[in-house]
């Protein structure tokens, strides 16, 4: 009885090994690729002058941070704003854009070349004190794919 049970278990194991060896590697790879959803957005934190590669041949650079907000402890006639100037470089060319939350004629988000850019967070969030040196700003933004980019028509 025990020998028969061992024979059944050994046969089942052999069947499993044969079945595992008969899987087409390309088919398994394709099924794995289909199971993983394609990433369509990501957040990036940049300091002035830093760049990030969004995709092969596509980079985003934070060129400039302009903080005209009223400094802590100052008396101001207006609140001011903070704005961020970016350069997007891709196979479609180079484009500059500005993102800001409270700046006239600017928005906290924009769409260029099939990519949506939206401000998320600023570090530090408050303006510096009157006698304080400018802080080491860091801005976070979300980049999302909104549509496949089309080459410019010539």
N, C-alpha and C. Protein backbone atom coordinates (compact mmCIF):
# COMPACT_ATOMS: atom_id res chain seq x y z
N UNK A 1 0.83 -1.19 0.00
CA UNK A 1 0.00 0.00 0.00
C UNK A 1 0.88 1.26 0.00
N UNK A 2 1.88 1.25 0.88
CA UNK A 2 2.77 2.40 0.98
C UNK A 2 3.56 2.58 -0.33
N UNK A 3 4.00 1.50 -0.94
CA UNK A 3 4.74 1.58 -2.19
C UNK A 3 3.86 2.13 -3.30
N UNK A 4 2.59 1.74 -3.28
CA UNK A 4 1.66 2.25 -4.30
C UNK A 4 1.43 3.75 -4.12
N UNK A 5 1.30 4.23 -2.88
CA UNK A 5 1.11 5.65 -2.59
C UNK A 5 2.33 6.45 -3.05
N UNK A 6 3.52 5.92 -2.79
CA UNK A 6 4.75 6.59 -3.23
C UNK A 6 4.79 6.65 -4.75
N UNK A 7 4.35 5.60 -5.42
CA UNK A 7 4.32 5.59 -6.88
C UNK A 7 3.36 6.63 -7.44
N UNK A 8 2.21 6.79 -6.80
CA UNK A 8 1.23 7.78 -7.25
C UNK A 8 1.79 9.19 -7.08
N UNK A 9 2.41 9.45 -5.93
CA UNK A 9 3.00 10.78 -5.67
C UNK A 9 4.13 11.07 -6.64
N UNK A 10 4.98 10.07 -6.90
CA UNK A 10 6.09 10.26 -7.84
C UNK A 10 5.56 10.53 -9.24
N UNK A 11 4.50 9.82 -9.64
CA UNK A 11 3.90 10.05 -10.96
C UNK A 11 3.32 11.45 -11.08
N UNK A 12 2.66 11.92 -10.02
CA UNK A 12 2.08 13.27 -10.04
C UNK A 12 3.18 14.32 -10.14
N UNK A 13 4.27 14.10 -9.42
CA UNK A 13 5.39 15.05 -9.49
C UNK A 13 6.01 15.07 -10.88
N UNK A 14 6.17 13.91 -11.50
CA UNK A 14 6.73 13.84 -12.85
C UNK A 14 5.82 14.55 -13.85
N UNK A 15 4.50 14.35 -13.69
CA UNK A 15 3.55 15.02 -14.57
C UNK A 15 3.67 16.54 -14.44
N UNK A 16 3.85 17.02 -13.20
CA UNK A 16 4.02 18.46 -12.96
C UNK A 16 5.28 19.00 -13.59
N UNK A 17 6.36 18.23 -13.52
CA UNK A 17 7.63 18.66 -14.12
C UNK A 17 7.50 18.72 -15.64
N UNK A 18 6.87 17.71 -16.24
CA UNK A 18 6.69 17.69 -17.69
C UNK A 18 5.81 18.85 -18.12
N UNK A 19 4.73 19.13 -17.36
CA UNK A 19 3.83 20.23 -17.70
C UNK A 19 4.55 21.57 -17.59
N UNK A 20 5.37 21.73 -16.57
CA UNK A 20 6.10 22.98 -16.39
C UNK A 20 7.12 23.19 -17.51
N UNK A 21 7.73 22.13 -17.96
CA UNK A 21 8.73 22.24 -19.02
C UNK A 21 8.11 22.50 -20.38
N UNK A 22 6.82 22.22 -20.52
CA UNK A 22 6.19 22.38 -21.82
C UNK A 22 5.60 23.77 -22.04
N UNK A 23 5.77 24.71 -21.08
CA UNK A 23 5.25 26.06 -21.23
C UNK A 23 6.14 26.83 -22.19
N UNK A 24 5.52 27.48 -23.16
CA UNK A 24 6.25 28.29 -24.14
C UNK A 24 6.74 29.57 -23.45
N UNK A 25 8.06 29.81 -23.38
CA UNK A 25 8.57 30.99 -22.68
C UNK A 25 8.03 32.30 -23.26
N UNK A 26 7.86 32.39 -24.57
CA UNK A 26 7.34 33.62 -25.17
C UNK A 26 5.89 33.85 -24.76
N UNK A 27 5.12 32.78 -24.69
CA UNK A 27 3.73 32.90 -24.27
C UNK A 27 3.66 33.33 -22.81
N UNK A 28 4.51 32.76 -21.96
CA UNK A 28 4.53 33.13 -20.55
C UNK A 28 4.92 34.59 -20.38
N UNK A 29 5.89 35.06 -21.17
CA UNK A 29 6.32 36.47 -21.12
C UNK A 29 5.20 37.40 -21.55
N UNK A 30 4.49 37.02 -22.61
CA UNK A 30 3.38 37.83 -23.10
C UNK A 30 2.26 37.90 -22.06
N UNK A 31 1.98 36.78 -21.40
CA UNK A 31 0.94 36.77 -20.37
C UNK A 31 1.34 37.64 -19.19
N UNK A 32 2.62 37.60 -18.82
CA UNK A 32 3.11 38.43 -17.73
C UNK A 32 3.01 39.91 -18.09
N UNK A 33 3.37 40.26 -19.32
CA UNK A 33 3.29 41.66 -19.76
C UNK A 33 1.85 42.15 -19.76
N UNK A 34 0.93 41.29 -20.16
CA UNK A 34 -0.48 41.68 -20.16
C UNK A 34 -1.01 41.82 -18.75
N UNK A 35 -0.51 41.04 -17.82
CA UNK A 35 -0.99 41.08 -16.45
C UNK A 35 -0.56 42.37 -15.74
N UNK A 36 0.61 42.92 -16.11
CA UNK A 36 1.10 44.15 -15.50
C UNK A 36 0.52 45.34 -16.24
N UNK A 37 -0.24 46.22 -15.56
CA UNK A 37 -0.76 47.38 -16.25
C UNK A 37 0.37 48.36 -16.58
N UNK A 38 0.26 49.00 -17.71
CA UNK A 38 1.26 49.98 -18.13
C UNK A 38 1.13 51.21 -17.24
N UNK A 39 2.24 51.71 -16.76
CA UNK A 39 2.23 52.88 -15.89
C UNK A 39 1.88 54.11 -16.71
N UNK A 40 0.84 54.82 -16.30
CA UNK A 40 0.41 55.99 -17.07
C UNK A 40 0.65 57.31 -16.35
N UNK A 41 1.12 57.28 -15.10
CA UNK A 41 1.46 58.53 -14.43
C UNK A 41 2.49 58.26 -13.34
N UNK A 42 3.21 59.32 -12.98
CA UNK A 42 4.21 59.23 -11.92
C UNK A 42 4.44 60.62 -11.35
N UNK A 43 4.90 60.67 -10.12
CA UNK A 43 5.25 61.94 -9.47
C UNK A 43 6.76 62.10 -9.45
N UNK A 44 7.20 63.34 -9.64
CA UNK A 44 8.62 63.66 -9.63
C UNK A 44 8.84 64.86 -8.74
N UNK A 45 9.92 64.86 -7.96
CA UNK A 45 10.31 66.00 -7.14
C UNK A 45 11.61 66.55 -7.70
N UNK A 46 11.60 67.84 -8.03
CA UNK A 46 12.76 68.47 -8.66
C UNK A 46 13.17 69.74 -7.92
N UNK A 47 14.46 69.99 -7.93
CA UNK A 47 15.01 71.27 -7.47
C UNK A 47 15.38 72.06 -8.71
N UNK A 48 15.55 73.36 -8.54
CA UNK A 48 15.91 74.21 -9.67
C UNK A 48 17.17 73.67 -10.35
N UNK A 49 17.10 73.52 -11.68
CA UNK A 49 18.23 73.04 -12.46
C UNK A 49 18.24 71.53 -12.67
N UNK A 50 17.41 70.78 -11.95
CA UNK A 50 17.38 69.33 -12.10
C UNK A 50 16.50 68.90 -13.26
N UNK A 51 16.84 67.72 -13.82
CA UNK A 51 16.09 67.13 -14.93
C UNK A 51 15.69 65.72 -14.56
N UNK A 52 14.66 65.24 -15.24
CA UNK A 52 14.23 63.86 -15.08
C UNK A 52 13.89 63.30 -16.46
N UNK A 53 14.26 62.03 -16.71
CA UNK A 53 13.91 61.39 -17.96
C UNK A 53 12.52 60.78 -17.78
N UNK A 54 11.56 61.25 -18.57
CA UNK A 54 10.19 60.74 -18.50
C UNK A 54 10.03 59.47 -19.32
N UNK A 55 10.76 59.38 -20.41
CA UNK A 55 10.75 58.23 -21.32
C UNK A 55 12.02 58.35 -22.16
N UNK A 56 12.40 57.29 -22.85
CA UNK A 56 13.58 57.42 -23.71
C UNK A 56 13.41 58.59 -24.68
N UNK A 57 14.36 59.53 -24.64
CA UNK A 57 14.32 60.69 -25.53
C UNK A 57 13.42 61.82 -25.06
N UNK A 58 12.82 61.70 -23.88
CA UNK A 58 11.93 62.75 -23.35
C UNK A 58 12.39 63.13 -21.95
N UNK A 59 12.79 64.41 -21.79
CA UNK A 59 13.24 64.90 -20.49
C UNK A 59 12.46 66.14 -20.08
N UNK A 60 12.36 66.31 -18.78
CA UNK A 60 11.73 67.49 -18.20
C UNK A 60 12.73 68.14 -17.26
N UNK A 61 12.95 69.44 -17.43
CA UNK A 61 13.90 70.16 -16.58
C UNK A 61 13.18 71.31 -15.88
N UNK A 62 13.44 71.45 -14.58
CA UNK A 62 12.94 72.61 -13.83
C UNK A 62 14.00 73.70 -13.98
N UNK A 63 13.72 74.67 -14.84
CA UNK A 63 14.69 75.73 -15.13
C UNK A 63 14.78 76.76 -14.03
N UNK A 64 13.60 77.18 -13.53
CA UNK A 64 13.61 78.33 -12.62
C UNK A 64 12.44 78.28 -11.66
N UNK A 65 12.68 78.70 -10.43
CA UNK A 65 11.63 78.90 -9.43
C UNK A 65 11.64 80.39 -9.11
N UNK A 66 10.49 81.04 -9.27
CA UNK A 66 10.36 82.46 -8.98
C UNK A 66 9.39 82.61 -7.81
N UNK A 67 9.91 83.04 -6.65
CA UNK A 67 9.09 83.20 -5.46
C UNK A 67 8.96 84.68 -5.12
N UNK A 68 7.81 85.27 -5.46
CA UNK A 68 7.56 86.68 -5.14
C UNK A 68 6.56 86.80 -4.00
N UNK A 69 6.32 85.71 -3.27
CA UNK A 69 5.38 85.75 -2.15
C UNK A 69 5.91 86.67 -1.06
N UNK A 70 4.98 87.26 -0.33
CA UNK A 70 5.34 88.14 0.79
C UNK A 70 6.08 87.32 1.84
N UNK A 71 7.29 87.75 2.18
CA UNK A 71 8.09 87.00 3.16
C UNK A 71 7.47 87.10 4.55
N UNK A 72 7.65 86.04 5.31
CA UNK A 72 7.14 85.99 6.68
C UNK A 72 7.75 87.14 7.48
N UNK A 73 6.89 87.94 8.13
CA UNK A 73 7.34 89.07 8.93
C UNK A 73 7.38 90.38 8.17
N UNK A 74 7.12 90.36 6.87
CA UNK A 74 7.14 91.59 6.06
C UNK A 74 5.72 92.15 5.94
N UNK A 75 5.62 93.43 5.63
CA UNK A 75 4.35 94.07 5.33
C UNK A 75 4.33 94.26 3.82
N UNK A 76 3.33 93.67 3.15
CA UNK A 76 3.30 93.68 1.70
C UNK A 76 1.95 94.22 1.21
N UNK A 77 1.93 94.78 0.01
CA UNK A 77 0.68 95.28 -0.58
C UNK A 77 -0.02 94.19 -1.38
N UNK A 78 0.66 93.09 -1.66
CA UNK A 78 0.01 91.96 -2.33
C UNK A 78 0.67 90.66 -1.85
N UNK A 79 -0.04 89.56 -1.99
CA UNK A 79 0.42 88.27 -1.47
C UNK A 79 1.58 87.70 -2.27
N UNK A 80 1.62 88.00 -3.58
CA UNK A 80 2.65 87.43 -4.44
C UNK A 80 2.31 86.01 -4.84
N UNK A 81 3.24 85.36 -5.49
CA UNK A 81 3.01 83.99 -5.97
C UNK A 81 4.35 83.30 -6.15
N UNK A 82 4.30 82.01 -6.35
CA UNK A 82 5.49 81.24 -6.69
C UNK A 82 5.20 80.53 -8.01
N UNK A 83 6.14 80.61 -8.93
CA UNK A 83 5.95 79.99 -10.25
C UNK A 83 7.17 79.13 -10.59
N UNK A 84 6.93 78.18 -11.50
CA UNK A 84 7.95 77.21 -11.89
C UNK A 84 8.03 77.19 -13.40
N UNK A 85 9.22 77.40 -13.95
CA UNK A 85 9.43 77.37 -15.39
C UNK A 85 10.13 76.06 -15.75
N UNK A 86 9.50 75.32 -16.66
CA UNK A 86 9.99 74.00 -17.07
C UNK A 86 10.35 74.00 -18.55
N UNK A 87 11.23 73.08 -18.94
CA UNK A 87 11.53 72.81 -20.34
C UNK A 87 11.28 71.32 -20.58
N UNK A 88 10.42 71.03 -21.56
CA UNK A 88 10.14 69.66 -21.99
C UNK A 88 10.86 69.45 -23.31
N UNK A 89 11.73 68.45 -23.37
CA UNK A 89 12.46 68.13 -24.59
C UNK A 89 12.09 66.71 -25.01
N UNK A 90 11.64 66.58 -26.26
CA UNK A 90 11.25 65.25 -26.78
C UNK A 90 11.51 65.23 -28.28
N UNK A 91 11.12 64.14 -28.90
CA UNK A 91 11.28 64.02 -30.35
C UNK A 91 10.42 65.04 -31.09
N UNK A 92 9.45 65.63 -30.38
CA UNK A 92 8.58 66.65 -30.98
C UNK A 92 9.18 68.05 -30.88
N UNK A 93 10.32 68.17 -30.18
CA UNK A 93 10.96 69.47 -30.05
C UNK A 93 11.13 69.87 -28.59
N UNK A 94 11.44 71.15 -28.39
CA UNK A 94 11.64 71.69 -27.05
C UNK A 94 10.56 72.72 -26.78
N UNK A 95 9.93 72.59 -25.62
CA UNK A 95 8.85 73.52 -25.25
C UNK A 95 9.06 73.98 -23.82
N UNK A 96 8.82 75.25 -23.59
CA UNK A 96 8.88 75.83 -22.25
C UNK A 96 7.46 76.10 -21.76
N UNK A 97 7.25 75.91 -20.46
CA UNK A 97 5.94 76.23 -19.88
C UNK A 97 6.12 76.61 -18.42
N UNK A 98 5.12 77.32 -17.89
CA UNK A 98 5.13 77.80 -16.51
C UNK A 98 3.93 77.22 -15.79
N UNK A 99 4.15 76.75 -14.58
CA UNK A 99 3.07 76.29 -13.71
C UNK A 99 3.09 77.15 -12.45
N UNK A 100 1.90 77.54 -11.98
CA UNK A 100 1.77 78.34 -10.76
C UNK A 100 0.35 78.22 -10.25
N UNK A 101 0.17 78.34 -8.94
CA UNK A 101 -1.17 78.22 -8.37
C UNK A 101 -1.93 79.55 -8.35
N UNK A 102 -1.28 80.64 -8.01
CA UNK A 102 -2.00 81.91 -7.83
C UNK A 102 -1.47 83.03 -8.72
N UNK A 103 -0.77 82.70 -9.76
CA UNK A 103 -0.18 83.70 -10.64
C UNK A 103 -1.16 84.06 -11.76
N UNK A 104 -1.34 85.35 -12.03
CA UNK A 104 -2.21 85.73 -13.15
C UNK A 104 -1.70 85.11 -14.46
N UNK A 105 -2.61 84.66 -15.30
CA UNK A 105 -2.31 84.07 -16.61
C UNK A 105 -1.49 82.79 -16.54
N UNK A 106 -1.52 82.10 -15.42
CA UNK A 106 -0.83 80.81 -15.28
C UNK A 106 -1.76 79.83 -14.57
N UNK A 107 -1.53 78.56 -14.78
CA UNK A 107 -2.36 77.51 -14.19
C UNK A 107 -1.47 76.53 -13.42
N UNK A 108 -2.06 75.77 -12.50
CA UNK A 108 -1.29 74.76 -11.79
C UNK A 108 -1.11 73.46 -12.60
N UNK A 109 -1.70 73.42 -13.80
CA UNK A 109 -1.53 72.23 -14.64
C UNK A 109 -1.61 72.64 -16.11
N UNK A 110 -1.04 71.79 -16.95
CA UNK A 110 -1.09 72.01 -18.40
C UNK A 110 -0.87 70.68 -19.10
N UNK A 111 -1.18 70.65 -20.39
CA UNK A 111 -0.97 69.46 -21.21
C UNK A 111 -0.15 69.83 -22.44
N UNK A 112 0.91 69.08 -22.66
CA UNK A 112 1.78 69.27 -23.83
C UNK A 112 2.18 67.92 -24.39
N UNK A 113 2.14 67.77 -25.68
CA UNK A 113 2.64 66.58 -26.37
C UNK A 113 2.10 65.27 -25.78
N UNK A 114 0.82 65.26 -25.40
CA UNK A 114 0.21 64.05 -24.87
C UNK A 114 0.54 63.76 -23.42
N UNK A 115 1.17 64.72 -22.72
CA UNK A 115 1.50 64.56 -21.31
C UNK A 115 0.83 65.67 -20.51
N UNK A 116 0.24 65.30 -19.37
CA UNK A 116 -0.37 66.28 -18.46
C UNK A 116 0.60 66.50 -17.30
N UNK A 117 0.82 67.77 -16.97
CA UNK A 117 1.71 68.15 -15.87
C UNK A 117 0.87 68.89 -14.84
N UNK A 118 0.93 68.47 -13.56
CA UNK A 118 0.14 69.10 -12.51
C UNK A 118 0.98 69.25 -11.25
N UNK A 119 0.98 70.47 -10.67
CA UNK A 119 1.69 70.70 -9.42
C UNK A 119 1.07 69.87 -8.32
N UNK A 120 1.91 69.32 -7.45
CA UNK A 120 1.42 68.55 -6.31
C UNK A 120 1.80 69.19 -4.98
N UNK A 121 3.10 69.53 -4.81
CA UNK A 121 3.55 69.97 -3.50
C UNK A 121 4.83 70.80 -3.64
N UNK A 122 5.00 71.75 -2.71
CA UNK A 122 6.20 72.58 -2.65
C UNK A 122 6.84 72.40 -1.28
N UNK A 123 8.15 72.27 -1.27
CA UNK A 123 8.90 72.22 -0.02
C UNK A 123 9.93 73.33 -0.02
N UNK A 124 9.99 74.17 0.98
CA UNK A 124 9.03 74.37 2.06
C UNK A 124 7.79 75.09 1.55
N UNK A 125 6.62 74.83 2.15
CA UNK A 125 5.38 75.42 1.64
C UNK A 125 5.22 76.91 1.93
N UNK A 126 5.84 77.42 3.01
CA UNK A 126 5.70 78.83 3.38
C UNK A 126 6.90 79.62 2.89
N UNK A 127 6.69 80.91 2.58
CA UNK A 127 7.84 81.74 2.17
C UNK A 127 8.80 81.93 3.34
N UNK A 128 10.07 82.20 3.05
CA UNK A 128 11.04 82.40 4.12
C UNK A 128 10.79 83.71 4.86
N UNK A 129 11.43 83.86 6.00
CA UNK A 129 11.35 85.09 6.78
C UNK A 129 12.12 86.20 6.06
N UNK A 130 11.86 87.43 6.44
CA UNK A 130 12.47 88.61 5.81
C UNK A 130 13.99 88.52 5.77
N UNK A 131 14.62 88.16 6.87
CA UNK A 131 16.08 88.14 6.94
C UNK A 131 16.69 86.76 6.67
N UNK A 132 15.89 85.85 6.18
CA UNK A 132 16.35 84.48 5.92
C UNK A 132 16.79 84.33 4.46
N UNK A 133 17.79 83.49 4.26
CA UNK A 133 18.25 83.19 2.90
C UNK A 133 17.18 82.39 2.16
N UNK A 134 17.14 82.49 0.83
CA UNK A 134 16.16 81.68 0.09
C UNK A 134 16.34 80.20 0.41
N UNK A 135 15.24 79.49 0.61
CA UNK A 135 15.35 78.06 0.95
C UNK A 135 15.74 77.22 -0.27
N UNK A 136 16.04 75.97 0.00
CA UNK A 136 16.33 75.00 -1.05
C UNK A 136 14.98 74.42 -1.50
N UNK A 137 14.36 75.09 -2.46
CA UNK A 137 13.03 74.69 -2.91
C UNK A 137 13.06 73.33 -3.60
N UNK A 138 11.95 72.64 -3.46
CA UNK A 138 11.74 71.36 -4.14
C UNK A 138 10.27 71.28 -4.49
N UNK A 139 9.97 71.11 -5.77
CA UNK A 139 8.58 71.05 -6.22
C UNK A 139 8.26 69.64 -6.70
N UNK A 140 7.09 69.16 -6.33
CA UNK A 140 6.62 67.84 -6.80
C UNK A 140 5.52 68.06 -7.81
N UNK A 141 5.59 67.32 -8.91
CA UNK A 141 4.53 67.40 -9.89
C UNK A 141 4.21 66.01 -10.41
N UNK A 142 2.98 65.84 -10.84
CA UNK A 142 2.52 64.57 -11.41
C UNK A 142 2.52 64.72 -12.92
N UNK A 143 3.09 63.73 -13.59
CA UNK A 143 3.12 63.68 -15.05
C UNK A 143 2.30 62.47 -15.46
N UNK A 144 1.29 62.69 -16.31
CA UNK A 144 0.40 61.61 -16.74
C UNK A 144 0.34 61.57 -18.26
N UNK A 145 0.21 60.36 -18.80
CA UNK A 145 0.00 60.21 -20.24
C UNK A 145 -1.49 60.41 -20.49
N UNK A 146 -1.82 61.37 -21.37
CA UNK A 146 -3.24 61.62 -21.67
C UNK A 146 -3.63 61.12 -23.05
N UNK A 147 -2.67 61.05 -23.94
CA UNK A 147 -2.92 60.52 -25.29
C UNK A 147 -1.57 60.28 -25.95
N UNK A 148 -1.53 59.39 -26.92
CA UNK A 148 -0.26 59.22 -27.63
C UNK A 148 0.13 60.51 -28.34
N UNK A 149 1.37 60.91 -28.19
CA UNK A 149 1.85 62.12 -28.84
C UNK A 149 1.98 61.88 -30.34
N UNK A 150 1.59 62.86 -31.12
CA UNK A 150 1.68 62.79 -32.58
C UNK A 150 2.78 63.73 -33.05
N UNK A 151 3.60 63.31 -33.99
CA UNK A 151 4.63 64.20 -34.51
C UNK A 151 3.99 65.43 -35.17
N UNK A 152 4.67 66.54 -35.06
CA UNK A 152 4.17 67.78 -35.68
C UNK A 152 4.18 67.62 -37.20
N UNK A 153 3.12 68.13 -37.83
CA UNK A 153 3.03 68.07 -39.30
C UNK A 153 3.84 69.21 -39.90
N UNK A 154 4.55 68.88 -40.97
CA UNK A 154 5.35 69.92 -41.63
C UNK A 154 4.83 70.24 -42.99
